[in-house]
């Protein structure tokens, strides 16, 4: 009777000569995270910012309003934390929506 088949993805393999061979997995580092920061300005309406936070960052109406007020009072606020590619896409979406609606709202990416 033959031995067990090779086990994919880790574990032990039995070689034909009967010796057991250990398989190891390399540890994969998690990608770094980045904050998407929205900056206050004197022209973009607060309602637009709150709606944008709901639409782009999937915030609830209560969370969006609270974050919008934080941005208004302190000058900036974090919309979310993502991998670099996702964060850059969120920034481009914010800028596109603001420009489409005629507002100067700015956002950026900062390392977390």
C-alpha atoms as a PDB file:
ATOM      1  CA  UNK A   1       0.000   0.000   0.000  1.00  0.00           C
ATOM      2  CA  UNK A   2       1.356   3.464  -0.928  1.00  0.00           C
ATOM      3  CA  UNK A   3       1.947   6.267   1.577  1.00  0.00           C
ATOM      4  CA  UNK A   4      -0.244   9.355   1.859  1.00  0.00           C
ATOM      5  CA  UNK A   5      -0.138  11.809  -1.017  1.00  0.00           C
ATOM      6  CA  UNK A   6       1.769  15.100  -0.740  1.00  0.00           C
ATOM      7  CA  UNK A   7      -0.097  17.657   1.302  1.00  0.00           C
ATOM      8  CA  UNK A   8      -0.269  21.010  -0.448  1.00  0.00           C
ATOM      9  CA  UNK A   9       0.226  24.218   1.521  1.00  0.00           C
ATOM     10  CA  UNK A  10       2.303  22.938   4.423  1.00  0.00           C
ATOM     11  CA  UNK A  11       2.530  20.023   6.781  1.00  0.00           C
ATOM     12  CA  UNK A  12       4.734  16.973   6.291  1.00  0.00           C
ATOM     13  CA  UNK A  13       5.508  15.006   3.173  1.00  0.00           C
ATOM     14  CA  UNK A  14       6.692  11.432   3.195  1.00  0.00           C
ATOM     15  CA  UNK A  15       9.431  10.829   0.655  1.00  0.00           C
ATOM     16  CA  UNK A  16       9.837   7.515  -1.104  1.00  0.00           C
ATOM     17  CA  UNK A  17      12.726   6.547   1.145  1.00  0.00           C
ATOM     18  CA  UNK A  18      10.463   6.907   4.216  1.00  0.00           C
ATOM     19  CA  UNK A  19      12.056  10.080   5.567  1.00  0.00           C
ATOM     20  CA  UNK A  20       9.772  12.897   6.601  1.00  0.00           C
ATOM     21  CA  UNK A  21      10.405  16.257   5.019  1.00  0.00           C
ATOM     22  CA  UNK A  22       9.152  19.426   6.727  1.00  0.00           C
ATOM     23  CA  UNK A  23       7.650  22.183   4.613  1.00  0.00           C
ATOM     24  CA  UNK A  24       7.957  25.744   5.831  1.00  0.00           C
ATOM     25  CA  UNK A  25       5.955  28.799   4.930  1.00  0.00           C
ATOM     26  CA  UNK A  26       7.501  32.218   4.636  1.00  0.00           C
ATOM     27  CA  UNK A  27       5.891  34.907   6.749  1.00  0.00           C
ATOM     28  CA  UNK A  28       4.239  37.532   4.584  1.00  0.00           C
ATOM     29  CA  UNK A  29       4.464  41.082   5.894  1.00  0.00           C
ATOM     30  CA  UNK A  30       1.254  43.070   6.003  1.00  0.00           C
ATOM     31  CA  UNK A  31       1.253  46.056   3.664  1.00  0.00           C
ATOM     32  CA  UNK A  32       1.669  49.454   5.335  1.00  0.00           C
ATOM     33  CA  UNK A  33      -1.471  51.488   5.962  1.00  0.00           C
ATOM     34  CA  UNK A  34      -2.126  55.091   4.986  1.00  0.00           C
ATOM     35  CA  UNK A  35      -4.589  57.687   6.257  1.00  0.00           C
ATOM     36  CA  UNK A  36      -6.797  59.609   3.859  1.00  0.00           C
ATOM     37  CA  UNK A  37      -6.896  63.130   5.309  1.00  0.00           C
ATOM     38  CA  UNK A  38      -9.493  65.736   4.336  1.00  0.00           C
ATOM     39  CA  UNK A  39      -8.599  69.407   4.819  1.00  0.00           C
ATOM     40  CA  UNK A  40     -10.960  72.219   5.759  1.00  0.00           C
ATOM     41  CA  UNK A  41     -11.498  75.191   3.458  1.00  0.00           C
ATOM     42  CA  UNK A  42     -13.733  78.252   3.606  1.00  0.00           C
ATOM     43  CA  UNK A  43     -15.759  77.434   0.490  1.00  0.00           C
ATOM     44  CA  UNK A  44     -16.897  73.793   0.482  1.00  0.00           C
ATOM     45  CA  UNK A  45     -20.312  73.449   2.181  1.00  0.00           C
ATOM     46  CA  UNK A  46     -20.453  71.257   5.263  1.00  0.00           C
ATOM     47  CA  UNK A  47     -23.400  69.317   3.831  1.00  0.00           C
ATOM     48  CA  UNK A  48     -21.310  68.391   0.787  1.00  0.00           C
ATOM     49  CA  UNK A  49     -18.457  67.151   2.985  1.00  0.00           C
ATOM     50  CA  UNK A  50     -20.837  65.059   5.123  1.00  0.00           C
ATOM     51  CA  UNK A  51     -22.452  63.539   2.013  1.00  0.00           C
ATOM     52  CA  UNK A  52     -19.021  62.816   0.554  1.00  0.00           C
ATOM     53  CA  UNK A  53     -17.957  61.045   3.764  1.00  0.00           C
ATOM     54  CA  UNK A  54     -21.055  58.867   3.552  1.00  0.00           C
ATOM     55  CA  UNK A  55     -20.611  58.089  -0.138  1.00  0.00           C
ATOM     56  CA  UNK A  56     -16.835  57.660  -0.488  1.00  0.00           C
ATOM     57  CA  UNK A  57     -15.863  56.489   2.990  1.00  0.00           C
ATOM     58  CA  UNK A  58     -19.094  54.592   3.834  1.00  0.00           C
ATOM     59  CA  UNK A  59     -19.656  56.508   7.073  1.00  0.00           C
ATOM     60  CA  UNK A  60     -23.072  56.521   8.715  1.00  0.00           C
ATOM     61  CA  UNK A  61     -24.870  59.882   8.745  1.00  0.00           C
ATOM     62  CA  UNK A  62     -23.970  60.349  12.416  1.00  0.00           C
ATOM     63  CA  UNK A  63     -20.297  59.456  11.858  1.00  0.00           C
ATOM     64  CA  UNK A  64     -20.123  61.652   8.751  1.00  0.00           C
ATOM     65  CA  UNK A  65     -21.562  64.657  10.578  1.00  0.00           C
ATOM     66  CA  UNK A  66     -19.211  64.216  13.543  1.00  0.00           C
ATOM     67  CA  UNK A  67     -16.175  63.877  11.259  1.00  0.00           C
ATOM     68  CA  UNK A  68     -17.250  66.840   9.124  1.00  0.00           C
ATOM     69  CA  UNK A  69     -17.455  68.985  12.275  1.00  0.00           C
ATOM     70  CA  UNK A  70     -14.021  67.772  13.395  1.00  0.00           C
ATOM     71  CA  UNK A  71     -12.574  68.734   9.991  1.00  0.00           C
ATOM     72  CA  UNK A  72     -14.303  72.121  10.199  1.00  0.00           C
ATOM     73  CA  UNK A  73     -13.066  72.869  13.727  1.00  0.00           C
ATOM     74  CA  UNK A  74      -9.547  71.439  13.671  1.00  0.00           C
ATOM     75  CA  UNK A  75      -8.630  71.962  10.009  1.00  0.00           C
ATOM     76  CA  UNK A  76      -8.356  68.305   9.040  1.00  0.00           C
ATOM     77  CA  UNK A  77      -9.707  64.839   9.742  1.00  0.00           C
ATOM     78  CA  UNK A  78      -9.096  61.226   8.752  1.00  0.00           C
ATOM     79  CA  UNK A  79     -11.681  59.743   6.400  1.00  0.00           C
ATOM     80  CA  UNK A  80     -10.227  56.240   6.646  1.00  0.00           C
ATOM     81  CA  UNK A  81      -7.107  54.076   6.759  1.00  0.00           C
ATOM     82  CA  UNK A  82      -6.254  51.886   3.769  1.00  0.00           C
ATOM     83  CA  UNK A  83      -3.459  50.356   1.744  1.00  0.00           C
ATOM     84  CA  UNK A  84      -1.647  52.899  -0.439  1.00  0.00           C
ATOM     85  CA  UNK A  85      -3.477  52.058  -3.661  1.00  0.00           C
ATOM     86  CA  UNK A  86      -6.918  52.261  -2.053  1.00  0.00           C
ATOM     87  CA  UNK A  87      -5.999  55.498  -0.234  1.00  0.00           C
ATOM     88  CA  UNK A  88      -4.821  57.103  -3.477  1.00  0.00           C
ATOM     89  CA  UNK A  89      -8.048  56.043  -5.197  1.00  0.00           C
ATOM     90  CA  UNK A  90     -10.130  57.581  -2.380  1.00  0.00           C
ATOM     91  CA  UNK A  91      -8.189  60.862  -2.701  1.00  0.00           C
ATOM     92  CA  UNK A  92      -8.741  60.917  -6.467  1.00  0.00           C
ATOM     93  CA  UNK A  93     -12.465  60.260  -5.912  1.00  0.00           C
ATOM     94  CA  UNK A  94     -12.726  63.101  -3.368  1.00  0.00           C
ATOM     95  CA  UNK A  95     -10.951  65.517  -5.712  1.00  0.00           C
ATOM     96  CA  UNK A  96     -13.064  64.429  -8.679  1.00  0.00           C
ATOM     97  CA  UNK A  97     -16.371  64.863  -6.846  1.00  0.00           C
ATOM     98  CA  UNK A  98     -15.315  68.213  -5.383  1.00  0.00           C
ATOM     99  CA  UNK A  99     -14.188  69.517  -8.768  1.00  0.00           C
ATOM    100  CA  UNK A 100     -17.336  68.250 -10.479  1.00  0.00           C
ATOM    101  CA  UNK A 101     -19.407  70.232  -7.974  1.00  0.00           C
ATOM    102  CA  UNK A 102     -17.200  73.334  -8.147  1.00  0.00           C
ATOM    103  CA  UNK A 103     -15.621  73.076  -4.692  1.00  0.00           C
ATOM    104  CA  UNK A 104     -11.924  73.375  -3.737  1.00  0.00           C
ATOM    105  CA  UNK A 105     -12.015  70.530  -1.168  1.00  0.00           C
ATOM    106  CA  UNK A 106      -8.583  68.916  -0.835  1.00  0.00           C
ATOM    107  CA  UNK A 107      -7.472  65.634   0.636  1.00  0.00           C
ATOM    108  CA  UNK A 108      -4.200  63.751   0.868  1.00  0.00           C
ATOM    109  CA  UNK A 109      -2.468  60.576   1.978  1.00  0.00           C
ATOM    110  CA  UNK A 110      -0.343  60.336   5.118  1.00  0.00           C
ATOM    111  CA  UNK A 111       1.475  57.310   6.485  1.00  0.00           C
ATOM    112  CA  UNK A 112      -0.341  55.776   9.450  1.00  0.00           C
END
